[in-house]
Structure formats: structure tokens, C-alpha cells
Amino acid sequence: MDNELKRTLGVFDAVVVGLGAMVGAGIFAALAPAAGAAGRGLLAALVVAAVVAYCNAHSSARLAARYPASGGTYVYGRERLGPFWGYLAGWGFVVGKTASCAAMALTVGAYVWPGREHAVAVAAVVALTAAGYGGMQKSARVARLIVAAVLAVLAGVVVVCLTSRAADPGLLTGGREAGPVGLLQGAGLLFFAFAGYARITTLGEEVRDPERTIPRAVPIALGIALCVYAAVAVAALSVLGSDALAGSAAPLADAVRAAGWPGAAPVVRVGAALAALGSLLALVLGVSRTTLAMARDGHLPRALAAVHPRRQVPHHAELAVGAVVAVLAATADLRGAIGFSSFGVLVYYAIANASAWTLGAAVKGRAVAAVGLVGCVVLACTLPLASAVAGAAVLALGALLYAVRGRLRSRT
């Protein structure tokens, strides 16, 4: 059976896949906990998260153009730093983003049917796993529709809040003073929302002309997402302030209510559910492709490397990822999943930046990689203690499994 994936995505579709992951539930799910950590420094935390995300995107795009294969930093770390670092990046990505999948599924449930969010989350996972199983072009079409709808809803939130009589510029910088540590912690939580551009690089084997397409698609998607996030954060702060935003379970729905448009709240809830569906679809695609790459190298069961002969998707990996996410969605906690996911993904991008540093040549490329590496390490270390400890423990477990597997191989 041929285990190569089909190249079907152009620049537009690659940008849409990235936007589907970024301009999705992240802005609905991460804004409140980030405001709780950063206080009135929320907008500054957004800038810090964006700078680190830009550095990571720049390094990832350079590497993806050199190594246009499924797996993202798992492949880059393996090729530039050695097998262990590639494995650790892949492990961190698969574990962290599997937690992200559960968080997104639970966000769907929380907005669609409060009180029954776990059941709705499982149903959403099953439906989007089936969509991914149907082929990449089908997934891209679904992503286009979701992104268009979510952007329309977010634009409505911005207009309603900024034109409201309740809007107060003083609220943008008011509220609790969190200090530098709180600001960095907020940036680490907001990074959860920015990390979706990785979907473009992990799908490198399914992108046409990847040497040109990926370096163009990644910064475009990131730039659009940053503009949207900044506008939404300013709009929400202008009517709620950072303290009220931090205590909100549905911040954007509460923002339109505070702006005097309570009738718009159900529309925002629908937009949040669609956003979470878009993020979940992109996440399942990305995690399954990294799983495929690791299975090809024997770090995961080789059966997961199978590619469907007709649909040309990693169907065993997609089904396995969907099954694990469904179990987590039935049992997990939303806010805990965000911090845990951020830790794993920050480690993943730290390895990406270290890999990009080894490319040498351009001074700008090395400088950006250095800033990205330091930024990832700092943000990971300043995340909530429970998230950092759990993330470090899971990475240590992955390293132990790698060592045990190496010993078993050396004996055979």
C-alpha cells in the first residue's frame, strides 16, 4: 500500500486551515483565563504572545520549506538536532494538541448545550473525525465555511462593542495590576490561541509547491489572526474591563450583552461553537499527521502509518486520534487542558527554533530563532504551576519511553 499523501492544498487553502485553527475557539476560550493572569496587562500579554508566535512561525516556515513532509517539528528536530529531539517535539505536540482537541470539543459542548457539554463534545469529535476521514479537500471545504462564519461573528462583536454607549476607553488599561510574571503567564495562555499556524507545517506533505506555499501561507494566516485577536480583545475590554472579563465563562457573549445587545448573545454562542469546530477539525488533522510521521519511524505503532489507498489520508492515525480525544472529551476539564496544552506546544516550538538556528546563513533567521527559543522557554516556565508540572511530567515519561525503546532495540 502506498503510504504517501496527496498534495492538494494551495496557498489559499493552507491559509484557511491555519486560520481555522487560530481564529477559532482560542479567542473564545483563552481570553478569560489570560485576563485573570495578566489583569490590566492583557493587551501587552497579547503582544508578547504574538511576538513569540511570529518567531515560531518564521522558523517553522523556513524549516517546512526545507523539509516539506508530514510531521512538522518532529521531522525538523530529527533532521537538524537528532532523533531524540525530534521524538520529544513530536511527543510534546501529540500529547499537548490532543489536550487541545479535548478543550475545543468541550468548548463546543459548553456553548451548544450547557450542562451536557461532555456528550456534545464526544459527538463533535466523532463528526469531525468522519469529515477528516473523507479526504483533505473535504476537510478544507468545511474549514472555509467555518472560518467565514466565525470571522463574520467576530466582526459583529467588534462593531457592537466599539460603537456602544457602554464602551469606555479607560477600561482598556484599568483593573488589577498583575506584574511581569502575570503578564508572561497571560501571554503563555494566549499562545494557546496563536499556535494554530502549526497545522500548515504539519500538513507539509499535502501542500502543493511547499517551498513557496508554506512560507507565504504561515505569515499571512498569523497576521490575519493577530489583527482579529487585537480587535476582539480591545472590543471586549472596552465594555467589560479586565476584571469582569477574567470572571466570565462566555466573555464575548457577555461583552455584547454589556454593550446593550442581549439579542446578539445567541449568535455569538453559535459563532463560538463553530469556531471550536473549526479548531477541532484543524487540530485532528495536525495531530494525526504527526502521529503518521512518528509511526513511520517506529516511535508509535506502525499500523498508524497506513494511508488510505483512495482517500489518501492517514486513516488509522485519524481514527486513533479521534478515539483518544473522544475519551478525553468525556472526562476532561476545559481550563486545565488549555494550560497543559500550552506547555507541550511551547516545548515543541522551542525545538523548532533550535532547529531553525542550525540552518545558519541569514542573520535575521538566527536572530528570530534565538528570540523564539528564549520566548518559548520563558512562557513555558511561567505558566500556572499545575500546568507546568503536569507538562514536564508527561515529557519526562516520553523521554523514558524513548530510552526503554532504544534499549530494547539494542538487544535485538
Protein backbone atom coordinates (compact mmCIF):
# COMPACT_ATOMS: atom_id res chain seq x y z
CA MET A 1 0.00 0.00 0.00
CA ASP A 2 1.33 3.44 -0.91
CA ASN A 3 1.94 5.46 2.25
CA GLU A 4 2.46 8.84 0.55
CA LEU A 5 -0.12 11.61 0.94
CA LYS A 6 -1.52 13.58 -1.97
CA ARG A 7 -0.55 17.27 -2.49
CA THR A 8 -3.85 19.13 -2.91
CA LEU A 9 -3.57 22.37 -0.86
CA GLY A 10 -2.61 25.72 -2.39
CA VAL A 11 -1.84 28.98 -0.59
CA PHE A 12 -5.48 29.92 -0.04
CA ASP A 13 -6.46 26.56 1.43
CA ALA A 14 -3.31 26.45 3.58
CA VAL A 15 -4.13 29.91 4.97
CA VAL A 16 -7.71 28.83 5.66
CA VAL A 17 -6.55 25.69 7.51
CA GLY A 18 -4.25 27.85 9.66
CA LEU A 19 -6.99 30.40 10.31
CA GLY A 20 -9.42 27.63 11.15
CA ALA A 21 -7.09 26.63 13.97
CA MET A 22 -6.19 30.16 15.13
CA VAL A 23 -9.27 32.33 14.54
CA GLY A 24 -11.30 29.73 16.29
CA ALA A 25 -12.16 28.79 19.81
CA GLY A 26 -8.86 30.10 21.13
CA ILE A 27 -10.19 33.66 21.26
CA PHE A 28 -13.38 32.41 22.95
CA ALA A 29 -11.65 30.04 25.40
CA ALA A 30 -8.29 31.67 26.25
CA LEU A 31 -9.27 35.34 26.67
CA ALA A 32 -10.82 34.96 30.13
CA PRO A 33 -8.04 32.92 31.82
CA ALA A 34 -5.43 35.18 30.19
CA ALA A 35 -7.21 38.25 31.62
CA GLY A 36 -7.24 36.54 35.02
CA ALA A 37 -3.47 36.10 34.86
CA ALA A 38 -2.42 39.37 33.18
CA GLY A 39 -5.04 41.74 34.64
CA ARG A 40 -4.82 45.14 33.01
CA GLY A 41 -1.74 43.93 31.13
CA LEU A 42 -3.89 41.74 28.86
CA LEU A 43 -3.13 43.71 25.70
CA ALA A 44 0.59 43.69 26.49
CA ALA A 45 0.37 39.92 27.04
CA LEU A 46 -1.26 39.63 23.62
CA VAL A 47 1.68 41.49 22.06
CA VAL A 48 4.20 39.22 23.81
CA ALA A 49 2.34 36.10 22.67
CA ALA A 50 2.22 37.50 19.11
CA VAL A 51 5.97 38.22 19.06
CA VAL A 52 6.80 34.69 20.19
CA ALA A 53 4.27 33.29 17.72
CA TYR A 54 5.83 35.31 14.88
CA CYS A 55 9.30 33.99 15.71
CA ASN A 56 7.97 30.45 15.82
CA ALA A 57 6.09 30.93 12.55
CA HIS A 58 9.18 32.35 10.82
CA SER A 59 11.36 29.46 11.98
CA SER A 60 8.68 26.87 11.14
CA ALA A 61 8.19 28.29 7.64
CA ARG A 62 11.95 28.17 6.91
CA LEU A 63 12.12 24.57 8.10
CA ALA A 64 8.95 23.50 6.29
CA ALA A 65 10.33 24.81 3.00
CA ARG A 66 13.46 22.69 3.56
CA TYR A 67 11.59 19.59 4.81
CA PRO A 68 8.10 19.52 3.21
CA ALA A 69 6.90 16.33 4.91
CA SER A 70 4.15 15.47 7.36
CA GLY A 71 5.13 15.80 10.99
CA GLY A 72 6.27 19.42 11.40
CA THR A 73 8.88 19.90 14.14
CA TYR A 74 9.08 16.17 14.72
CA VAL A 75 10.75 15.99 11.30
CA TYR A 76 12.76 19.22 11.72
CA GLY A 77 14.15 18.24 15.12
CA ARG A 78 15.06 14.77 13.88
CA GLU A 79 16.87 16.12 10.83
CA ARG A 80 18.62 19.11 12.46
CA LEU A 81 19.19 18.12 16.11
CA GLY A 82 18.98 14.35 16.20
CA PRO A 83 16.36 11.59 16.64
CA PHE A 84 15.74 12.22 20.36
CA TRP A 85 14.88 15.92 19.94
CA GLY A 86 12.60 15.15 17.02
CA TYR A 87 10.89 12.49 19.08
CA LEU A 88 10.49 14.82 22.07
CA ALA A 89 8.95 17.51 19.84
CA GLY A 90 6.55 15.00 18.32
CA TRP A 91 5.63 13.61 21.73
CA GLY A 92 5.01 17.09 23.14
CA PHE A 93 2.91 18.02 20.12
CA VAL A 94 0.79 14.88 20.07
CA VAL A 95 0.12 14.95 23.82
CA GLY A 96 -0.35 18.73 24.06
CA LYS A 97 -2.53 19.02 21.00
CA THR A 98 -4.60 16.02 21.97
CA ALA A 99 -5.42 18.01 25.12
CA SER A 100 -6.23 20.97 22.84
CA CYS A 101 -8.63 18.79 20.88
CA ALA A 102 -10.44 17.90 24.09
CA ALA A 103 -10.56 21.59 25.08
CA MET A 104 -12.04 22.58 21.74
CA ALA A 105 -14.60 19.79 21.84
CA LEU A 106 -15.64 20.85 25.34
CA THR A 107 -15.95 24.46 24.14
CA VAL A 108 -18.41 23.27 21.51
CA GLY A 109 -20.39 21.48 24.19
CA ALA A 110 -20.34 24.43 26.61
CA TYR A 111 -21.80 26.79 24.01
CA VAL A 112 -24.21 24.37 22.33
CA TRP A 113 -25.72 22.69 25.39
CA PRO A 114 -24.52 23.87 28.82
CA GLY A 115 -24.81 21.06 31.33
CA ARG A 116 -24.45 18.43 28.62
CA GLU A 117 -21.12 19.64 27.24
CA HIS A 118 -19.34 16.29 27.54
CA ALA A 119 -21.94 14.45 25.46
CA VAL A 120 -21.94 17.17 22.79
CA ALA A 121 -18.12 17.20 22.80
CA VAL A 122 -17.94 13.48 22.06
CA ALA A 123 -20.47 13.85 19.24
CA ALA A 124 -18.43 16.71 17.74
CA VAL A 125 -15.25 14.62 17.83
CA VAL A 126 -16.97 11.74 16.05
CA ALA A 127 -18.44 14.03 13.37
CA LEU A 128 -15.17 15.85 12.58
CA THR A 129 -13.12 12.66 12.62
CA ALA A 130 -15.51 11.40 9.95
CA ALA A 131 -15.02 14.65 7.98
CA GLY A 132 -11.23 14.25 8.12
CA TYR A 133 -11.54 10.62 7.08
CA GLY A 134 -13.35 11.78 3.95
CA GLY A 135 -10.21 13.40 2.49
CA MET A 136 -8.23 16.63 2.68
CA GLN A 137 -10.27 18.54 0.11
CA LYS A 138 -13.47 17.79 2.00
CA SER A 139 -11.81 18.99 5.22
CA ALA A 140 -10.60 22.18 3.51
CA ARG A 141 -14.12 22.96 2.24
CA VAL A 142 -15.55 22.53 5.75
CA ALA A 143 -12.79 24.79 7.12
CA ARG A 144 -13.60 27.54 4.58
CA LEU A 145 -17.24 27.66 5.64
CA ILE A 146 -16.42 27.70 9.34
CA VAL A 147 -13.75 30.41 9.03
CA ALA A 148 -16.08 32.67 7.02
CA ALA A 149 -18.87 32.31 9.58
CA VAL A 150 -16.56 32.87 12.58
CA LEU A 151 -14.94 35.97 11.07
CA ALA A 152 -18.40 37.41 10.44
CA VAL A 153 -19.43 36.80 14.07
CA LEU A 154 -16.21 38.28 15.46
CA ALA A 155 -16.57 41.34 13.22
CA GLY A 156 -20.07 41.78 14.61
CA VAL A 157 -18.78 41.59 18.19
CA VAL A 158 -16.15 44.26 17.47
CA VAL A 159 -18.63 46.63 15.81
CA VAL A 160 -21.30 46.19 18.51
CA CYS A 161 -18.86 46.75 21.38
CA LEU A 162 -16.85 49.64 19.95
CA THR A 163 -19.94 51.59 18.82
CA SER A 164 -21.79 51.03 22.09
CA ARG A 165 -22.50 53.80 24.59
CA ALA A 166 -21.11 51.44 27.23
CA ALA A 167 -17.66 51.48 25.61
CA ASP A 168 -15.14 53.20 27.88
CA PRO A 169 -11.52 53.71 26.75
CA GLY A 170 -10.49 53.82 30.42
CA LEU A 171 -11.39 50.14 30.79
CA LEU A 172 -8.61 49.18 28.35
CA THR A 173 -5.92 49.89 30.95
CA GLY A 174 -7.96 49.57 34.14
CA GLY A 175 -8.22 46.67 36.56
CA ARG A 176 -5.84 44.60 38.66
CA GLU A 177 -2.07 45.06 38.34
CA ALA A 178 -0.62 41.58 37.78
CA GLY A 179 3.07 42.39 37.39
CA PRO A 180 5.62 40.90 34.95
CA VAL A 181 5.03 37.28 35.96
CA GLY A 182 1.28 37.61 35.50
CA LEU A 183 1.81 39.28 32.14
CA LEU A 184 4.03 36.43 30.94
CA GLN A 185 1.59 33.86 32.31
CA GLY A 186 -1.21 35.55 30.37
CA ALA A 187 0.96 35.52 27.25
CA GLY A 188 1.56 31.79 27.71
CA LEU A 189 -2.18 31.15 27.94
CA LEU A 190 -2.87 33.34 24.90
CA PHE A 191 -0.24 31.38 22.99
CA PHE A 192 -2.78 28.55 23.05
CA ALA A 193 -4.87 30.62 20.65
CA PHE A 194 -1.97 31.53 18.32
CA ALA A 195 -0.46 28.08 17.91
CA GLY A 196 -2.81 27.00 15.10
CA TYR A 197 -0.44 28.01 12.29
CA ALA A 198 1.39 24.75 13.03
CA ARG A 199 -1.38 23.00 11.13
CA ILE A 200 0.06 24.40 7.91
CA THR A 201 3.53 22.98 8.52
CA THR A 202 2.33 19.61 9.82
CA LEU A 203 0.36 19.23 6.57
CA GLY A 204 3.52 19.88 4.51
CA GLU A 205 3.19 16.62 2.62
CA GLU A 206 -0.25 17.65 1.34
CA VAL A 207 0.69 21.16 0.16
CA ARG A 208 1.41 21.93 -3.49
CA ASP A 209 4.82 23.52 -4.13
CA PRO A 210 5.59 23.58 -0.37
CA GLU A 211 8.86 25.51 -0.77
CA ARG A 212 6.84 28.55 -1.86
CA THR A 213 3.37 27.87 -0.44
CA ILE A 214 4.24 27.34 3.23
CA PRO A 215 6.48 30.42 3.72
CA ARG A 216 3.70 32.52 2.18
CA ALA A 217 0.75 30.92 3.96
CA VAL A 218 2.14 30.92 7.52
CA PRO A 219 2.77 34.69 7.94
CA ILE A 220 -0.48 35.56 6.13
CA ALA A 221 -2.53 33.37 8.48
CA LEU A 222 -0.68 34.64 11.56
CA GLY A 223 -1.05 38.29 10.53
CA ILE A 224 -4.79 37.97 9.99
CA ALA A 225 -5.21 36.16 13.30
CA LEU A 226 -3.25 38.83 15.19
CA CYS A 227 -5.39 41.63 13.74
CA VAL A 228 -8.59 39.78 14.63
CA TYR A 229 -7.43 38.96 18.17
CA ALA A 230 -6.30 42.52 18.86
CA ALA A 231 -9.61 43.95 17.65
CA VAL A 232 -11.67 41.46 19.66
CA ALA A 233 -9.60 41.94 22.84
CA VAL A 234 -9.93 45.74 22.61
CA ALA A 235 -13.67 45.45 21.97
CA ALA A 236 -14.27 43.11 24.93
CA LEU A 237 -12.12 45.17 27.30
CA SER A 238 -13.85 48.40 26.25
CA VAL A 239 -17.19 47.22 27.68
CA LEU A 240 -16.20 44.71 30.37
CA GLY A 241 -12.74 45.64 31.64
CA SER A 242 -10.13 43.05 32.55
CA ASP A 243 -11.64 42.10 35.94
CA ALA A 244 -15.09 41.29 34.58
CA LEU A 245 -13.54 39.60 31.55
CA ALA A 246 -11.46 37.34 33.81
CA GLY A 247 -14.56 36.14 35.66
CA SER A 248 -16.66 35.43 32.57
CA ALA A 249 -17.45 31.91 31.39
CA ALA A 250 -18.56 33.22 27.98
CA PRO A 251 -16.68 36.55 27.62
CA LEU A 252 -17.75 37.58 24.13
CA ALA A 253 -21.40 36.77 24.78
CA ASP A 254 -21.17 38.82 27.97
CA ALA A 255 -19.47 41.63 26.03
CA VAL A 256 -22.36 42.05 23.59
CA ARG A 257 -24.81 41.98 26.50
CA ALA A 258 -22.83 44.71 28.27
CA ALA A 259 -22.86 46.67 25.02
CA GLY A 260 -26.65 46.69 25.11
CA TRP A 261 -27.30 43.95 22.54
CA PRO A 262 -28.50 40.93 24.56
CA GLY A 263 -30.22 39.57 21.47
CA ALA A 264 -26.82 39.12 19.82
CA ALA A 265 -25.57 36.77 22.57
CA PRO A 266 -27.11 33.61 20.98
CA VAL A 267 -25.41 34.49 17.68
CA VAL A 268 -22.09 34.78 19.49
CA ARG A 269 -22.68 31.41 21.13
CA VAL A 270 -23.27 29.86 17.71
CA GLY A 271 -20.10 31.55 16.43
CA ALA A 272 -18.12 30.17 19.38
CA ALA A 273 -19.39 26.68 18.70
CA LEU A 274 -18.48 26.97 15.01
CA ALA A 275 -15.06 28.36 15.94
CA ALA A 276 -14.42 25.43 18.24
CA LEU A 277 -15.48 23.03 15.48
CA GLY A 278 -13.03 24.66 13.07
CA SER A 279 -10.20 24.46 15.59
CA LEU A 280 -11.05 20.87 16.41
CA LEU A 281 -11.02 19.88 12.74
CA ALA A 282 -7.62 21.51 12.16
CA LEU A 283 -6.21 20.01 15.36
CA VAL A 284 -7.29 16.47 14.49
CA LEU A 285 -5.68 16.88 11.06
CA GLY A 286 -2.41 18.15 12.57
CA VAL A 287 -2.13 15.57 15.36
CA SER A 288 -2.92 12.70 13.01
CA ARG A 289 -0.16 13.81 10.58
CA THR A 290 2.44 13.98 13.35
CA THR A 291 1.23 10.58 14.55
CA LEU A 292 1.70 9.30 10.99
CA ALA A 293 5.29 10.61 10.86
CA MET A 294 6.19 9.10 14.25
CA ALA A 295 4.61 5.77 13.30
CA ARG A 296 6.67 5.68 10.10
CA ASP A 297 9.81 5.84 12.25
CA GLY A 298 8.57 3.23 14.70
CA HIS A 299 8.06 5.59 17.67
CA LEU A 300 4.35 4.74 17.59
CA PRO A 301 2.70 1.52 16.33
CA ARG A 302 3.49 1.15 12.63
CA ALA A 303 -0.15 0.40 11.85
CA LEU A 304 -0.80 4.12 12.40
CA ALA A 305 1.35 4.91 9.33
CA ALA A 306 -1.24 3.42 6.96
CA VAL A 307 -2.60 5.74 4.25
CA HIS A 308 -5.99 5.07 2.69
CA PRO A 309 -5.44 3.97 -0.94
CA ARG A 310 -8.33 6.01 -2.35
CA ARG A 311 -8.81 8.98 0.01
CA GLN A 312 -5.04 9.30 0.62
CA VAL A 313 -5.38 10.27 4.27
CA PRO A 314 -3.70 8.61 7.31
CA HIS A 315 -6.94 6.88 8.22
CA HIS A 316 -5.63 4.67 11.05
CA ALA A 317 -3.97 7.66 12.71
CA GLU A 318 -7.10 9.80 12.34
CA LEU A 319 -9.31 7.11 13.85
CA ALA A 320 -6.88 6.53 16.74
CA VAL A 321 -6.59 10.25 17.49
CA GLY A 322 -10.37 10.64 17.30
CA ALA A 323 -10.89 7.76 19.73
CA VAL A 324 -8.42 9.17 22.30
CA VAL A 325 -9.87 12.67 22.03
CA ALA A 326 -13.40 11.33 22.45
CA VAL A 327 -12.38 9.66 25.72
CA LEU A 328 -10.71 12.85 26.97
CA ALA A 329 -13.69 14.97 25.93
CA ALA A 330 -15.91 12.75 28.03
CA THR A 331 -13.78 13.24 31.16
CA ALA A 332 -11.50 16.35 30.90
CA ASP A 333 -11.65 19.87 32.38
CA LEU A 334 -11.52 22.80 29.90
CA ARG A 335 -9.28 25.33 31.66
CA GLY A 336 -6.78 22.71 32.83
CA ALA A 337 -6.47 21.43 29.27
CA ILE A 338 -5.52 24.92 27.98
CA GLY A 339 -2.51 25.33 30.28
CA PHE A 340 -1.34 21.76 29.77
CA SER A 341 -1.61 22.11 26.01
CA SER A 342 0.31 25.40 26.03
CA PHE A 343 3.23 23.80 27.88
CA GLY A 344 3.57 20.92 25.43
CA VAL A 345 3.30 23.17 22.38
CA LEU A 346 5.79 25.73 23.74
CA VAL A 347 8.33 22.91 24.14
CA TYR A 348 7.53 21.83 20.58
CA TYR A 349 8.28 25.32 19.25
CA ALA A 350 11.40 25.69 21.37
CA ILE A 351 12.76 22.68 19.49
CA ALA A 352 11.58 24.21 16.19
CA ASN A 353 13.53 27.40 16.90
CA ALA A 354 16.62 25.46 17.96
CA SER A 355 16.35 23.52 14.69
CA ALA A 356 15.99 26.72 12.67
CA TRP A 357 19.11 28.14 14.36
CA THR A 358 21.16 25.31 12.81
CA LEU A 359 20.11 26.40 9.30
CA GLY A 360 22.65 29.23 9.65
CA ALA A 361 23.11 31.58 6.70
CA ALA A 362 20.73 34.51 7.24
CA VAL A 363 21.47 36.64 10.33
CA LYS A 364 17.81 37.58 10.61
CA GLY A 365 16.79 33.92 10.63
CA ARG A 366 19.17 33.14 13.50
CA ALA A 367 18.12 36.20 15.50
CA VAL A 368 14.44 35.35 15.13
CA ALA A 369 15.11 31.73 16.09
CA ALA A 370 17.00 32.85 19.21
CA VAL A 371 14.19 35.19 20.33
CA GLY A 372 11.62 32.46 19.66
CA LEU A 373 13.60 29.86 21.63
CA VAL A 374 14.05 32.11 24.67
CA GLY A 375 10.43 33.26 24.47
CA CYS A 376 9.08 29.70 24.41
CA VAL A 377 11.17 28.64 27.40
CA VAL A 378 10.19 31.72 29.44
CA LEU A 379 6.47 31.38 28.69
CA ALA A 380 6.52 27.65 29.47
CA CYS A 381 8.20 28.28 32.83
CA THR A 382 5.71 31.00 33.82
CA LEU A 383 2.54 29.02 33.09
CA PRO A 384 0.35 28.05 36.08
CA LEU A 385 2.33 25.65 38.27
CA ALA A 386 -0.05 22.72 37.84
CA SER A 387 0.15 23.01 34.04
CA ALA A 388 3.95 23.27 34.03
CA VAL A 389 4.41 20.33 36.42
CA ALA A 390 1.97 18.11 34.52
CA GLY A 391 3.57 19.03 31.19
CA ALA A 392 7.09 18.36 32.47
CA ALA A 393 5.99 15.00 33.89
CA VAL A 394 4.48 13.93 30.57
CA LEU A 395 7.63 14.98 28.68
CA ALA A 396 9.74 13.01 31.18
CA LEU A 397 7.52 9.99 30.58
CA GLY A 398 8.04 10.37 26.85
CA ALA A 399 11.82 10.56 27.31
CA LEU A 400 11.70 7.42 29.47
CA LEU A 401 9.74 5.52 26.83
CA TYR A 402 12.29 6.61 24.22
CA ALA A 403 15.16 5.29 26.37
CA VAL A 404 13.41 1.98 27.06
CA ARG A 405 12.63 1.51 23.39
CA GLY A 406 16.27 2.22 22.50
CA ARG A 407 17.50 -0.41 24.96
CA LEU A 408 15.07 -2.99 23.67
CA ARG A 409 16.21 -2.31 20.09
CA SER A 410 19.87 -2.64 21.03
CA ARG A 411 19.24 -6.10 22.49
CA THR A 412 17.53 -7.41 19.33
